[in-house]
Structures are given as C-alpha cells and as structure tokens.
Amino acid sequence: MLDEIVAPDVVHHAGVFVDEIGRDALKGDLQALLDGFSDIRFTADVVVAEDDGVAVRWTARGTHDAEFVGIAPTGIPVVFTGTNVYRIARGLIVEGWSEPDARGLLTQLGALPEIAPPVSTPAA
C-alpha cells in the first residue's frame, strides 16, 4: 500500500533520529513497529489538509508481543499517540515529519522510569 501513496524518494524526518530517504527505509521503520506489536491498530483522531500539507493526530493501540527496539516482548497492552505532517506532490507523500510519543510508549513498556509531574510551590 505504501507504494501507492509514498514517493520512492520520500524524505522522512523522525524526531531525534536521523532523517531517512526512500520508501524502503520508511517501510523498514513501519515493519519494526508491526513486528513488535502484531495487533497494532491506528486511529486517525484529527486530519487537517491545506494546500500541499496534511496533518494527522493519531492514536495507536497494540500488545507488545515481540522484540521492539531491543526490548524483549512484555505482553503489555499499550496506547500511545503521535502527530504526522506530510507534504504532498504529484499525489504522493514526498516529505513527512513524525512525532510519536516515544517516551510514553517506552515508559509503558518499562524501558523508562515514570516521571512525576513537577510540584508547584506557593508564590512568596
């Protein structure tokens, strides 16, 4: 399906990770997610399109049932969100920016400690 909507030379900006060029690199990233969460399902919560841009706010749900980014399967069901912004040309995605809640996902998997919210102190 990606072959139908993504340009072969797509540029994918993935937050803190190195930018990737090419549909095959994007497929590899998505396959790692599908492999780690075989029942993963995405819901598009908000979609906004204007000119050559499309923004999608999404929610993902799945069970961590295989290795994912070096984390052994935990069997933990997870819910995480993210936002993707795409630039469209010639009817294909030619550039994209991904901002998943990686911290939230890794915290649910036990790979990161939970961070307590800051404690506010009364003004002096």
N, C-alpha and C. Protein backbone atom coordinates (compact mmCIF):
# COMPACT_ATOMS: atom_id res chain seq x y z
N MET A 1 0.81 -1.20 0.00
CA MET A 1 0.00 0.00 0.00
C MET A 1 0.86 1.27 0.00
N LEU A 2 2.00 1.24 0.68
CA LEU A 2 2.85 2.43 0.70
C LEU A 2 3.31 2.81 -0.70
N ASP A 3 3.49 1.82 -1.55
CA ASP A 3 3.92 2.11 -2.92
C ASP A 3 2.93 3.00 -3.65
N GLU A 4 1.67 2.96 -3.24
CA GLU A 4 0.63 3.74 -3.90
C GLU A 4 0.52 5.17 -3.39
N ILE A 5 1.04 5.44 -2.17
CA ILE A 5 0.84 6.77 -1.58
C ILE A 5 2.14 7.50 -1.22
N VAL A 6 3.28 6.81 -1.28
CA VAL A 6 4.55 7.41 -0.87
C VAL A 6 5.52 7.42 -2.05
N ALA A 7 6.15 8.57 -2.28
CA ALA A 7 7.13 8.69 -3.36
C ALA A 7 8.35 7.82 -3.08
N PRO A 8 8.96 7.27 -4.11
CA PRO A 8 10.14 6.41 -3.91
C PRO A 8 11.28 7.12 -3.18
N ASP A 9 11.41 8.45 -3.37
CA ASP A 9 12.50 9.21 -2.76
C ASP A 9 12.01 10.08 -1.59
N VAL A 10 10.97 9.62 -0.90
CA VAL A 10 10.41 10.36 0.23
C VAL A 10 11.50 10.68 1.25
N VAL A 11 11.38 11.83 1.88
CA VAL A 11 12.28 12.22 2.98
C VAL A 11 11.45 12.15 4.25
N HIS A 12 11.92 11.35 5.21
CA HIS A 12 11.19 11.14 6.46
C HIS A 12 12.00 11.70 7.61
N HIS A 13 11.46 12.72 8.26
CA HIS A 13 12.10 13.33 9.43
C HIS A 13 11.45 12.70 10.66
N ALA A 14 12.25 11.98 11.43
CA ALA A 14 11.69 11.21 12.54
C ALA A 14 12.21 11.71 13.88
N GLY A 15 11.89 12.95 14.20
CA GLY A 15 12.24 13.48 15.52
C GLY A 15 13.74 13.49 15.75
N VAL A 16 14.17 12.82 16.83
CA VAL A 16 15.58 12.83 17.22
C VAL A 16 16.42 11.88 16.39
N PHE A 17 15.78 11.04 15.56
CA PHE A 17 16.51 10.09 14.75
C PHE A 17 17.01 10.74 13.46
N VAL A 18 17.92 10.08 12.80
CA VAL A 18 18.48 10.58 11.54
C VAL A 18 17.39 10.59 10.48
N ASP A 19 17.35 11.65 9.69
CA ASP A 19 16.41 11.70 8.58
C ASP A 19 16.68 10.53 7.64
N GLU A 20 15.61 9.96 7.12
CA GLU A 20 15.74 8.83 6.21
C GLU A 20 15.23 9.24 4.84
N ILE A 21 15.85 8.69 3.84
CA ILE A 21 15.43 8.97 2.47
C ILE A 21 15.06 7.66 1.80
N GLY A 22 13.87 7.65 1.22
CA GLY A 22 13.45 6.50 0.45
C GLY A 22 12.32 5.71 1.09
N ARG A 23 11.48 5.22 0.23
CA ARG A 23 10.31 4.45 0.65
C ARG A 23 10.72 3.18 1.39
N ASP A 24 11.80 2.53 0.96
CA ASP A 24 12.22 1.29 1.62
C ASP A 24 12.65 1.52 3.06
N ALA A 25 13.30 2.65 3.34
CA ALA A 25 13.68 2.97 4.72
C ALA A 25 12.44 3.18 5.57
N LEU A 26 11.44 3.86 5.03
CA LEU A 26 10.19 4.07 5.75
C LEU A 26 9.49 2.74 6.00
N LYS A 27 9.49 1.88 5.01
CA LYS A 27 8.88 0.54 5.18
C LYS A 27 9.57 -0.22 6.30
N GLY A 28 10.88 -0.10 6.40
CA GLY A 28 11.63 -0.79 7.47
C GLY A 28 11.21 -0.31 8.84
N ASP A 29 11.05 1.00 8.99
CA ASP A 29 10.61 1.56 10.28
C ASP A 29 9.22 1.03 10.65
N LEU A 30 8.33 1.07 9.68
CA LEU A 30 6.96 0.61 9.93
C LEU A 30 6.94 -0.89 10.22
N GLN A 31 7.77 -1.66 9.54
CA GLN A 31 7.80 -3.11 9.76
C GLN A 31 8.26 -3.43 11.18
N ALA A 32 9.23 -2.68 11.70
CA ALA A 32 9.70 -2.90 13.07
C ALA A 32 8.55 -2.71 14.06
N LEU A 33 7.71 -1.71 13.82
CA LEU A 33 6.56 -1.47 14.67
C LEU A 33 5.53 -2.59 14.54
N LEU A 34 5.26 -3.00 13.31
CA LEU A 34 4.31 -4.09 13.08
C LEU A 34 4.81 -5.41 13.66
N ASP A 35 6.11 -5.63 13.61
CA ASP A 35 6.68 -6.85 14.17
C ASP A 35 6.58 -6.86 15.70
N GLY A 36 6.83 -5.73 16.33
CA GLY A 36 6.81 -5.64 17.79
C GLY A 36 5.42 -5.66 18.39
N PHE A 37 4.43 -5.22 17.60
CA PHE A 37 3.05 -5.12 18.07
C PHE A 37 2.16 -5.69 16.97
N SER A 38 2.06 -7.02 16.90
CA SER A 38 1.39 -7.65 15.76
C SER A 38 -0.08 -7.28 15.62
N ASP A 39 -0.70 -6.83 16.72
CA ASP A 39 -2.12 -6.46 16.65
C ASP A 39 -2.32 -4.94 16.64
N ILE A 40 -1.28 -4.19 16.34
CA ILE A 40 -1.37 -2.72 16.41
C ILE A 40 -2.44 -2.18 15.46
N ARG A 41 -3.17 -1.21 15.96
CA ARG A 41 -4.21 -0.53 15.17
C ARG A 41 -4.07 0.97 15.40
N PHE A 42 -4.19 1.72 14.31
CA PHE A 42 -4.09 3.17 14.38
C PHE A 42 -5.46 3.78 14.12
N THR A 43 -5.77 4.83 14.85
CA THR A 43 -6.99 5.60 14.64
C THR A 43 -6.57 7.03 14.31
N ALA A 44 -7.08 7.57 13.24
CA ALA A 44 -6.84 8.98 12.90
C ALA A 44 -7.83 9.80 13.71
N ASP A 45 -7.34 10.54 14.69
CA ASP A 45 -8.19 11.33 15.57
C ASP A 45 -8.56 12.67 14.95
N VAL A 46 -7.59 13.30 14.29
CA VAL A 46 -7.81 14.59 13.63
C VAL A 46 -7.00 14.59 12.34
N VAL A 47 -7.61 15.02 11.26
CA VAL A 47 -6.92 15.16 9.98
C VAL A 47 -7.21 16.56 9.45
N VAL A 48 -6.15 17.30 9.14
CA VAL A 48 -6.30 18.65 8.60
C VAL A 48 -5.47 18.73 7.32
N ALA A 49 -6.09 19.22 6.26
CA ALA A 49 -5.39 19.33 4.99
C ALA A 49 -5.56 20.74 4.44
N GLU A 50 -4.45 21.28 3.94
CA GLU A 50 -4.49 22.60 3.32
C GLU A 50 -3.34 22.70 2.33
N ASP A 51 -3.63 23.19 1.14
CA ASP A 51 -2.63 23.31 0.08
C ASP A 51 -1.95 21.96 -0.14
N ASP A 52 -0.63 21.89 0.05
CA ASP A 52 0.08 20.63 -0.18
C ASP A 52 0.42 19.91 1.12
N GLY A 53 -0.23 20.31 2.23
CA GLY A 53 0.07 19.71 3.52
C GLY A 53 -1.10 18.97 4.14
N VAL A 54 -0.77 17.91 4.86
CA VAL A 54 -1.76 17.14 5.61
C VAL A 54 -1.17 16.85 6.98
N ALA A 55 -1.93 17.11 8.03
CA ALA A 55 -1.51 16.79 9.39
C ALA A 55 -2.49 15.78 9.98
N VAL A 56 -1.94 14.79 10.66
CA VAL A 56 -2.76 13.74 11.27
C VAL A 56 -2.35 13.57 12.72
N ARG A 57 -3.29 13.69 13.62
CA ARG A 57 -3.10 13.35 15.04
C ARG A 57 -3.71 11.97 15.20
N TRP A 58 -2.95 11.00 15.70
CA TRP A 58 -3.39 9.62 15.74
C TRP A 58 -3.19 8.98 17.11
N THR A 59 -3.89 7.87 17.30
CA THR A 59 -3.73 7.05 18.49
C THR A 59 -3.46 5.62 18.03
N ALA A 60 -2.48 4.98 18.66
CA ALA A 60 -2.15 3.58 18.36
C ALA A 60 -2.42 2.73 19.59
N ARG A 61 -2.92 1.53 19.33
CA ARG A 61 -3.18 0.56 20.40
C ARG A 61 -2.65 -0.79 19.94
N GLY A 62 -1.97 -1.49 20.83
CA GLY A 62 -1.46 -2.81 20.47
C GLY A 62 -0.83 -3.49 21.66
N THR A 63 -0.44 -4.73 21.46
CA THR A 63 0.19 -5.53 22.51
C THR A 63 1.63 -5.79 22.12
N HIS A 64 2.54 -5.54 23.04
CA HIS A 64 3.96 -5.74 22.79
C HIS A 64 4.26 -7.23 22.87
N ASP A 65 4.16 -7.92 21.73
CA ASP A 65 4.26 -9.38 21.73
C ASP A 65 5.51 -9.91 21.02
N ALA A 66 6.41 -9.02 20.64
CA ALA A 66 7.69 -9.44 20.04
C ALA A 66 8.71 -8.33 20.30
N GLU A 67 9.98 -8.63 20.04
CA GLU A 67 11.02 -7.63 20.30
C GLU A 67 10.74 -6.34 19.54
N PHE A 68 10.97 -5.22 20.22
CA PHE A 68 10.81 -3.90 19.62
C PHE A 68 11.93 -3.01 20.13
N VAL A 69 12.70 -2.44 19.26
CA VAL A 69 13.87 -1.59 19.56
C VAL A 69 14.73 -2.18 20.68
N GLY A 70 14.95 -3.49 20.60
CA GLY A 70 15.79 -4.16 21.57
C GLY A 70 15.10 -4.54 22.87
N ILE A 71 13.82 -4.25 23.00
CA ILE A 71 13.08 -4.59 24.21
C ILE A 71 12.37 -5.92 23.99
N ALA A 72 12.68 -6.90 24.86
CA ALA A 72 12.05 -8.21 24.75
C ALA A 72 10.54 -8.07 24.94
N PRO A 73 9.76 -8.97 24.34
CA PRO A 73 8.30 -8.87 24.47
C PRO A 73 7.85 -8.89 25.92
N THR A 74 6.91 -8.01 26.23
CA THR A 74 6.40 -7.91 27.61
C THR A 74 4.97 -8.40 27.74
N GLY A 75 4.25 -8.48 26.62
CA GLY A 75 2.83 -8.83 26.67
C GLY A 75 1.95 -7.68 27.15
N ILE A 76 2.55 -6.51 27.31
CA ILE A 76 1.83 -5.34 27.82
C ILE A 76 1.02 -4.68 26.70
N PRO A 77 -0.28 -4.45 26.96
CA PRO A 77 -1.05 -3.65 26.00
C PRO A 77 -0.70 -2.18 26.18
N VAL A 78 -0.49 -1.49 25.07
CA VAL A 78 -0.09 -0.08 25.12
C VAL A 78 -1.05 0.78 24.32
N VAL A 79 -1.09 2.04 24.69
CA VAL A 79 -1.81 3.07 23.94
C VAL A 79 -0.87 4.26 23.88
N PHE A 80 -0.59 4.75 22.67
CA PHE A 80 0.24 5.94 22.55
C PHE A 80 -0.25 6.77 21.37
N THR A 81 0.14 8.02 21.38
CA THR A 81 -0.35 8.96 20.38
C THR A 81 0.82 9.54 19.60
N GLY A 82 0.48 10.27 18.56
CA GLY A 82 1.50 10.95 17.78
C GLY A 82 0.88 11.86 16.75
N THR A 83 1.74 12.62 16.12
CA THR A 83 1.33 13.52 15.06
C THR A 83 2.28 13.35 13.88
N ASN A 84 1.71 13.26 12.71
CA ASN A 84 2.49 13.23 11.48
C ASN A 84 2.02 14.36 10.59
N VAL A 85 2.98 14.99 9.92
CA VAL A 85 2.68 16.04 8.96
C VAL A 85 3.32 15.62 7.65
N TYR A 86 2.57 15.74 6.58
CA TYR A 86 3.04 15.29 5.27
C TYR A 86 2.97 16.43 4.26
N ARG A 87 3.94 16.41 3.34
CA ARG A 87 3.89 17.30 2.17
C ARG A 87 3.60 16.42 0.97
N ILE A 88 2.60 16.83 0.20
CA ILE A 88 2.13 16.05 -0.93
C ILE A 88 2.53 16.74 -2.24
N ALA A 89 2.99 15.95 -3.19
CA ALA A 89 3.28 16.46 -4.55
C ALA A 89 3.00 15.32 -5.53
N ARG A 90 2.42 15.67 -6.63
CA ARG A 90 2.08 14.68 -7.66
C ARG A 90 1.24 13.54 -7.11
N GLY A 91 0.42 13.85 -6.08
CA GLY A 91 -0.47 12.85 -5.49
C GLY A 91 0.22 11.87 -4.56
N LEU A 92 1.48 12.12 -4.20
CA LEU A 92 2.23 11.22 -3.33
C LEU A 92 2.82 11.98 -2.15
N ILE A 93 3.05 11.28 -1.05
CA ILE A 93 3.78 11.86 0.08
C ILE A 93 5.24 11.95 -0.32
N VAL A 94 5.79 13.17 -0.32
CA VAL A 94 7.18 13.37 -0.70
C VAL A 94 8.06 13.73 0.49
N GLU A 95 7.42 14.15 1.58
CA GLU A 95 8.17 14.50 2.78
C GLU A 95 7.23 14.33 3.97
N GLY A 96 7.79 13.86 5.08
CA GLY A 96 6.97 13.67 6.26
C GLY A 96 7.75 13.91 7.53
N TRP A 97 7.02 14.34 8.56
CA TRP A 97 7.58 14.57 9.88
C TRP A 97 6.77 13.74 10.87
N SER A 98 7.45 12.90 11.65
CA SER A 98 6.78 12.04 12.63
C SER A 98 7.16 12.44 14.03
N GLU A 99 6.16 12.58 14.88
CA GLU A 99 6.39 12.91 16.28
C GLU A 99 5.53 12.00 17.16
N PRO A 100 5.93 10.72 17.30
CA PRO A 100 5.18 9.84 18.20
C PRO A 100 5.57 10.12 19.65
N ASP A 101 4.70 9.76 20.56
CA ASP A 101 5.01 9.88 21.99
C ASP A 101 5.89 8.69 22.39
N ALA A 102 7.14 8.74 21.97
CA ALA A 102 8.07 7.64 22.25
C ALA A 102 8.30 7.48 23.74
N ARG A 103 8.37 8.58 24.48
CA ARG A 103 8.57 8.49 25.93
C ARG A 103 7.41 7.75 26.57
N GLY A 104 6.19 8.09 26.18
CA GLY A 104 5.03 7.42 26.74
C GLY A 104 5.02 5.93 26.42
N LEU A 105 5.37 5.59 25.19
CA LEU A 105 5.40 4.18 24.79
C LEU A 105 6.47 3.43 25.58
N LEU A 106 7.69 3.96 25.63
CA LEU A 106 8.78 3.28 26.33
C LEU A 106 8.52 3.20 27.83
N THR A 107 7.86 4.18 28.41
CA THR A 107 7.50 4.13 29.82
C THR A 107 6.51 3.00 30.07
N GLN A 108 5.51 2.87 29.19
CA GLN A 108 4.54 1.78 29.34
C GLN A 108 5.21 0.41 29.26
N LEU A 109 6.26 0.30 28.46
CA LEU A 109 6.98 -0.96 28.30
C LEU A 109 7.98 -1.21 29.43
N GLY A 110 8.12 -0.25 30.34
CA GLY A 110 9.05 -0.40 31.46
C GLY A 110 10.48 -0.09 31.10
N ALA A 111 10.72 0.50 29.93
CA ALA A 111 12.07 0.82 29.49
C ALA A 111 12.55 2.17 30.00
N LEU A 112 11.63 3.00 30.48
CA LEU A 112 11.97 4.30 31.05
C LEU A 112 11.21 4.46 32.36
N PRO A 113 11.80 5.16 33.31
CA PRO A 113 11.06 5.40 34.56
C PRO A 113 9.95 6.42 34.34
N GLU A 114 8.91 6.28 35.12
CA GLU A 114 7.86 7.31 35.07
C GLU A 114 8.41 8.57 35.72
N ILE A 115 8.02 9.69 35.20
CA ILE A 115 8.46 10.97 35.74
C ILE A 115 7.27 11.62 36.41
N ALA A 116 7.45 11.97 37.67
CA ALA A 116 6.38 12.62 38.41
C ALA A 116 6.23 14.05 37.91
N PRO A 117 5.00 14.55 37.89
CA PRO A 117 4.81 15.93 37.49
C PRO A 117 5.50 16.86 38.49
N PRO A 118 5.90 18.04 38.02
CA PRO A 118 6.57 18.97 38.93
C PRO A 118 5.62 19.41 40.06
N VAL A 119 6.19 19.60 41.21
CA VAL A 119 5.42 20.07 42.36
C VAL A 119 5.47 21.57 42.37
N SER A 120 4.30 22.20 42.37
CA SER A 120 4.30 23.66 42.39
C SER A 120 4.42 24.13 43.84
N THR A 121 5.12 25.23 43.98
CA THR A 121 5.27 25.80 45.32
C THR A 121 4.54 27.14 45.34
N PRO A 122 3.97 27.47 46.48
CA PRO A 122 3.26 28.75 46.56
C PRO A 122 4.20 29.92 46.32
N ALA A 123 3.67 30.94 45.67
CA ALA A 123 4.47 32.15 45.43
C ALA A 123 4.77 32.82 46.75
N ALA A 124 5.95 33.39 46.85
CA ALA A 124 6.36 34.05 48.09
C ALA A 124 5.75 35.40 48.23
